[in-house]
C-alpha cells in the first residue's frame, strides 16, 4: 500500500537492531486517515474469508483492527497484556516475546468475547518473527475458534515470520514489507 510506504519513508525511523519506529503515526500517535485507508485495504483483501470476529493485541494493533472491523462490520477483540479486575477469573492466556519490550508479555482474552466456532481474522501492526501473532493464534485455538486470515500493517520480511504463519494454511497479507533495516536506511521488499 503506497500511502503507508510513503509515510514510513517520511516519518519512520530505523533505530537499529531490527526496530522500526512508527510511533508518530501507528502506535503512540495514530493517524486516523491512514489507519482508515489501511482498514479499507484489509477489508478488501479479506472480504471472502468469512470472518466473524477480528482479534488483535493491545495496544498497537487496535487502530488497524478497528478500522478493518468498520469496513467488515465485525466486532474487534484485543488481547490484553494485563488482566483487569473486570475480567473473569477464568481467561484464555498465553505468553509471547515482545521485541520492543525485550521480554515475554501475557496475552489475555476473556472467554465471553472469543467463543468456540468463531472465524477469526487477526490484524496487527507488525509481522516480524510471528511470535505475537502466533500467540493470538494460540488464544483463538484455546477458545475453539478457527483462524481464517492474518493481516499486518508492516512486515519485516528479514525476520522470517511469514514462513511460520503460512504453515497455518490461511491467507497472510501485509500492507508494507520491509526487506532490510541496515544503517539508517529502510528498504522495502520488491
Protein backbone atom coordinates (compact mmCIF):
# COMPACT_ATOMS: atom_id res chain seq x y z
CA UNK A 1 0.00 0.00 0.00
CA UNK A 2 1.79 3.05 -1.31
CA UNK A 3 0.41 5.61 1.18
CA UNK A 4 1.66 3.52 4.12
CA UNK A 5 5.08 3.03 2.49
CA UNK A 6 5.33 6.76 1.83
CA UNK A 7 4.53 7.53 5.46
CA UNK A 8 7.15 5.03 6.63
CA UNK A 9 9.70 6.64 4.29
CA UNK A 10 8.84 10.11 5.58
CA UNK A 11 8.26 9.54 9.30
CA UNK A 12 9.58 6.06 10.14
CA UNK A 13 12.91 5.79 11.91
CA UNK A 14 15.29 2.85 11.80
CA UNK A 15 16.52 2.56 15.41
CA UNK A 16 18.84 -0.38 14.71
CA UNK A 17 18.56 -3.97 15.95
CA UNK A 18 15.61 -4.53 13.63
CA UNK A 19 13.42 -1.90 15.31
CA UNK A 20 11.39 0.44 13.11
CA UNK A 21 9.91 3.40 14.99
CA UNK A 22 6.48 4.32 13.65
CA UNK A 23 5.02 5.80 16.81
CA UNK A 24 4.30 9.15 15.15
CA UNK A 25 1.51 7.60 13.08
CA UNK A 26 0.81 3.99 14.19
CA UNK A 27 1.47 3.16 17.81
CA UNK A 28 1.74 6.19 20.05
CA UNK A 29 0.15 8.91 17.98
CA UNK A 30 -2.26 7.44 15.43
CA UNK A 31 -3.08 8.92 12.02
CA UNK A 32 -6.80 8.10 11.70
CA UNK A 33 -6.93 8.89 7.97
CA UNK A 34 -4.06 6.50 7.24
CA UNK A 35 -5.49 3.81 9.55
CA UNK A 36 -8.88 4.18 7.84
CA UNK A 37 -7.27 3.62 4.44
CA UNK A 38 -5.38 0.60 5.81
CA UNK A 39 -8.60 -0.81 7.27
CA UNK A 40 -10.34 -0.40 3.93
CA UNK A 41 -7.50 -2.26 2.20
CA UNK A 42 -7.53 -5.11 4.75
CA UNK A 43 -11.31 -5.39 4.34
CA UNK A 44 -10.82 -5.71 0.58
CA UNK A 45 -8.05 -8.31 0.97
CA UNK A 46 -10.04 -10.42 3.44
CA UNK A 47 -13.59 -9.88 2.18
CA UNK A 48 -14.06 -13.54 1.24
CA UNK A 49 -12.62 -15.34 4.30
CA UNK A 50 -15.92 -15.41 6.21
CA UNK A 51 -14.57 -13.82 9.38
CA UNK A 52 -16.97 -13.33 12.29
CA UNK A 53 -14.53 -11.52 14.58
CA UNK A 54 -11.24 -9.62 14.43
CA UNK A 55 -8.55 -10.35 17.01
CA UNK A 56 -5.51 -8.18 17.76
CA UNK A 57 -3.03 -7.42 20.52
CA UNK A 58 -3.07 -4.47 22.88
CA UNK A 59 -2.28 -1.69 22.04
CA UNK A 60 -0.72 -1.05 18.66
CA UNK A 61 -2.96 -3.47 16.79
CA UNK A 62 -6.16 -1.80 17.94
CA UNK A 63 -6.23 1.07 15.42
CA UNK A 64 -5.78 -1.03 12.25
CA UNK A 65 -8.05 -3.77 13.62
CA UNK A 66 -10.79 -1.28 14.46
CA UNK A 67 -10.66 0.36 11.04
CA UNK A 68 -10.75 -3.05 9.35
CA UNK A 69 -13.73 -4.00 11.50
CA UNK A 70 -15.50 -0.82 10.48
CA UNK A 71 -15.42 -1.89 6.82
CA UNK A 72 -16.17 -5.56 7.53
CA UNK A 73 -18.92 -4.77 10.06
CA UNK A 74 -17.34 -7.06 12.67
CA UNK A 75 -16.51 -6.75 16.37
CA UNK A 76 -12.88 -6.42 17.50
CA UNK A 77 -11.41 -8.26 20.46
CA UNK A 78 -7.98 -7.30 21.67
CA UNK A 79 -5.75 -9.45 23.81
CA UNK A 80 -4.90 -7.54 26.96
CA UNK A 81 -1.39 -7.54 28.39
CA UNK A 82 -2.61 -7.19 31.97
CA UNK A 83 -5.71 -8.73 33.49
CA UNK A 84 -8.13 -6.03 34.71
CA UNK A 85 -10.35 -6.62 37.74
CA UNK A 86 -13.38 -6.58 35.43
CA UNK A 87 -12.21 -9.74 33.65
CA UNK A 88 -13.44 -13.10 34.95
CA UNK A 89 -11.11 -15.42 36.86
CA UNK A 90 -11.11 -17.98 34.03
CA UNK A 91 -9.37 -16.46 30.98
CA UNK A 92 -7.56 -17.55 27.85
CA UNK A 93 -3.88 -16.72 28.40
CA UNK A 94 -0.61 -17.28 26.56
CA UNK A 95 2.86 -15.76 26.58
CA UNK A 96 4.66 -14.19 23.63
CA UNK A 97 8.05 -12.48 23.34
CA UNK A 98 7.98 -8.72 22.74
CA UNK A 99 10.81 -7.47 20.55
CA UNK A 100 10.38 -3.84 21.61
CA UNK A 101 9.92 -4.62 25.32
CA UNK A 102 12.71 -7.19 25.35
CA UNK A 103 10.73 -9.65 27.48
CA UNK A 104 7.79 -12.05 27.47
CA UNK A 105 4.33 -10.49 27.68
CA UNK A 106 0.99 -12.02 28.56
CA UNK A 107 -1.81 -12.05 26.02
CA UNK A 108 -5.17 -12.43 27.77
CA UNK A 109 -8.70 -12.68 26.37
CA UNK A 110 -11.94 -13.15 28.27
CA UNK A 111 -13.88 -16.26 27.16
CA UNK A 112 -17.04 -14.15 26.87
CA UNK A 113 -15.55 -12.40 23.81
CA UNK A 114 -13.84 -15.28 21.98
CA UNK A 115 -16.04 -18.31 21.53
CA UNK A 116 -15.96 -21.79 20.10
CA UNK A 117 -16.83 -21.71 16.40
CA UNK A 118 -15.75 -18.09 15.76
CA UNK A 119 -13.97 -17.44 12.46
CA UNK A 120 -11.15 -15.13 13.45
CA UNK A 121 -9.22 -12.65 11.33
CA UNK A 122 -6.05 -11.47 13.07
CA UNK A 123 -4.94 -7.90 12.33
CA UNK A 124 -1.80 -6.47 13.95
CA UNK A 125 0.66 -3.64 13.47
CA UNK A 126 3.81 -5.70 12.78
CA UNK A 127 4.70 -9.11 11.43
CA UNK A 128 8.31 -9.77 12.41
CA UNK A 129 9.20 -13.17 13.84
CA UNK A 130 5.49 -14.02 14.01
CA UNK A 131 5.68 -14.73 17.76
CA UNK A 132 2.95 -12.28 18.84
CA UNK A 133 0.62 -13.32 16.04
CA UNK A 134 1.24 -17.00 16.87
CA UNK A 135 0.30 -16.11 20.47
CA UNK A 136 -3.00 -14.74 19.15
CA UNK A 137 -3.45 -17.93 17.12
CA UNK A 138 -2.95 -19.98 20.32
CA UNK A 139 -5.61 -17.90 22.11
CA UNK A 140 -8.08 -18.49 19.29
CA UNK A 141 -7.32 -22.21 19.24
CA UNK A 142 -7.76 -22.47 23.03
CA UNK A 143 -11.19 -20.87 22.55
CA UNK A 144 -12.09 -23.36 19.82
CA UNK A 145 -12.08 -20.65 17.14
CA UNK A 146 -10.75 -21.01 13.61
CA UNK A 147 -8.17 -18.60 12.14
CA UNK A 148 -9.27 -17.53 8.64
CA UNK A 149 -6.65 -14.87 7.83
CA UNK A 150 -3.79 -12.78 9.16
CA UNK A 151 -3.00 -9.17 8.27
CA UNK A 152 -0.17 -6.90 9.37
CA UNK A 153 0.37 -3.26 8.57
CA UNK A 154 4.14 -3.67 8.34
CA UNK A 155 6.05 -6.87 7.70
CA UNK A 156 9.75 -7.14 8.50
CA UNK A 157 10.47 -9.70 5.78
CA UNK A 158 14.01 -10.25 7.03
CA UNK A 159 12.78 -11.74 10.34
CA UNK A 160 11.08 -14.75 8.73
CA UNK A 161 7.71 -14.64 10.48
CA UNK A 162 5.73 -15.12 7.29
CA UNK A 163 7.01 -18.68 6.90
CA UNK A 164 5.75 -19.66 10.36
CA UNK A 165 2.34 -18.14 9.64
CA UNK A 166 1.95 -19.57 6.13
CA UNK A 167 2.25 -23.03 7.71
CA UNK A 168 -1.24 -22.33 9.16
CA UNK A 169 -2.72 -22.52 5.67
CA UNK A 170 -4.59 -19.20 5.79
CA UNK A 171 -4.08 -16.00 3.79
CA UNK A 172 -1.29 -13.83 5.22
CA UNK A 173 -1.21 -10.22 3.96
CA UNK A 174 0.93 -7.20 4.81
CA UNK A 175 0.42 -3.68 3.55
CA UNK A 176 4.11 -2.74 3.56
CA UNK A 177 7.02 -5.18 3.57
CA UNK A 178 10.47 -4.11 4.77
CA UNK A 179 13.32 -6.10 3.18
CA UNK A 180 16.03 -4.68 5.43
CA UNK A 181 16.81 -2.12 8.08
CA UNK A 182 20.54 -1.56 7.57
CA UNK A 183 22.36 1.53 8.82
CA UNK A 184 19.87 4.39 8.62
CA UNK A 185 18.03 3.01 5.59
CA UNK A 186 14.61 1.41 5.28
CA UNK A 187 14.49 -0.86 2.22
CA UNK A 188 11.12 -2.16 1.03
CA UNK A 189 10.54 -5.61 -0.49
CA UNK A 190 10.11 -5.72 -4.27
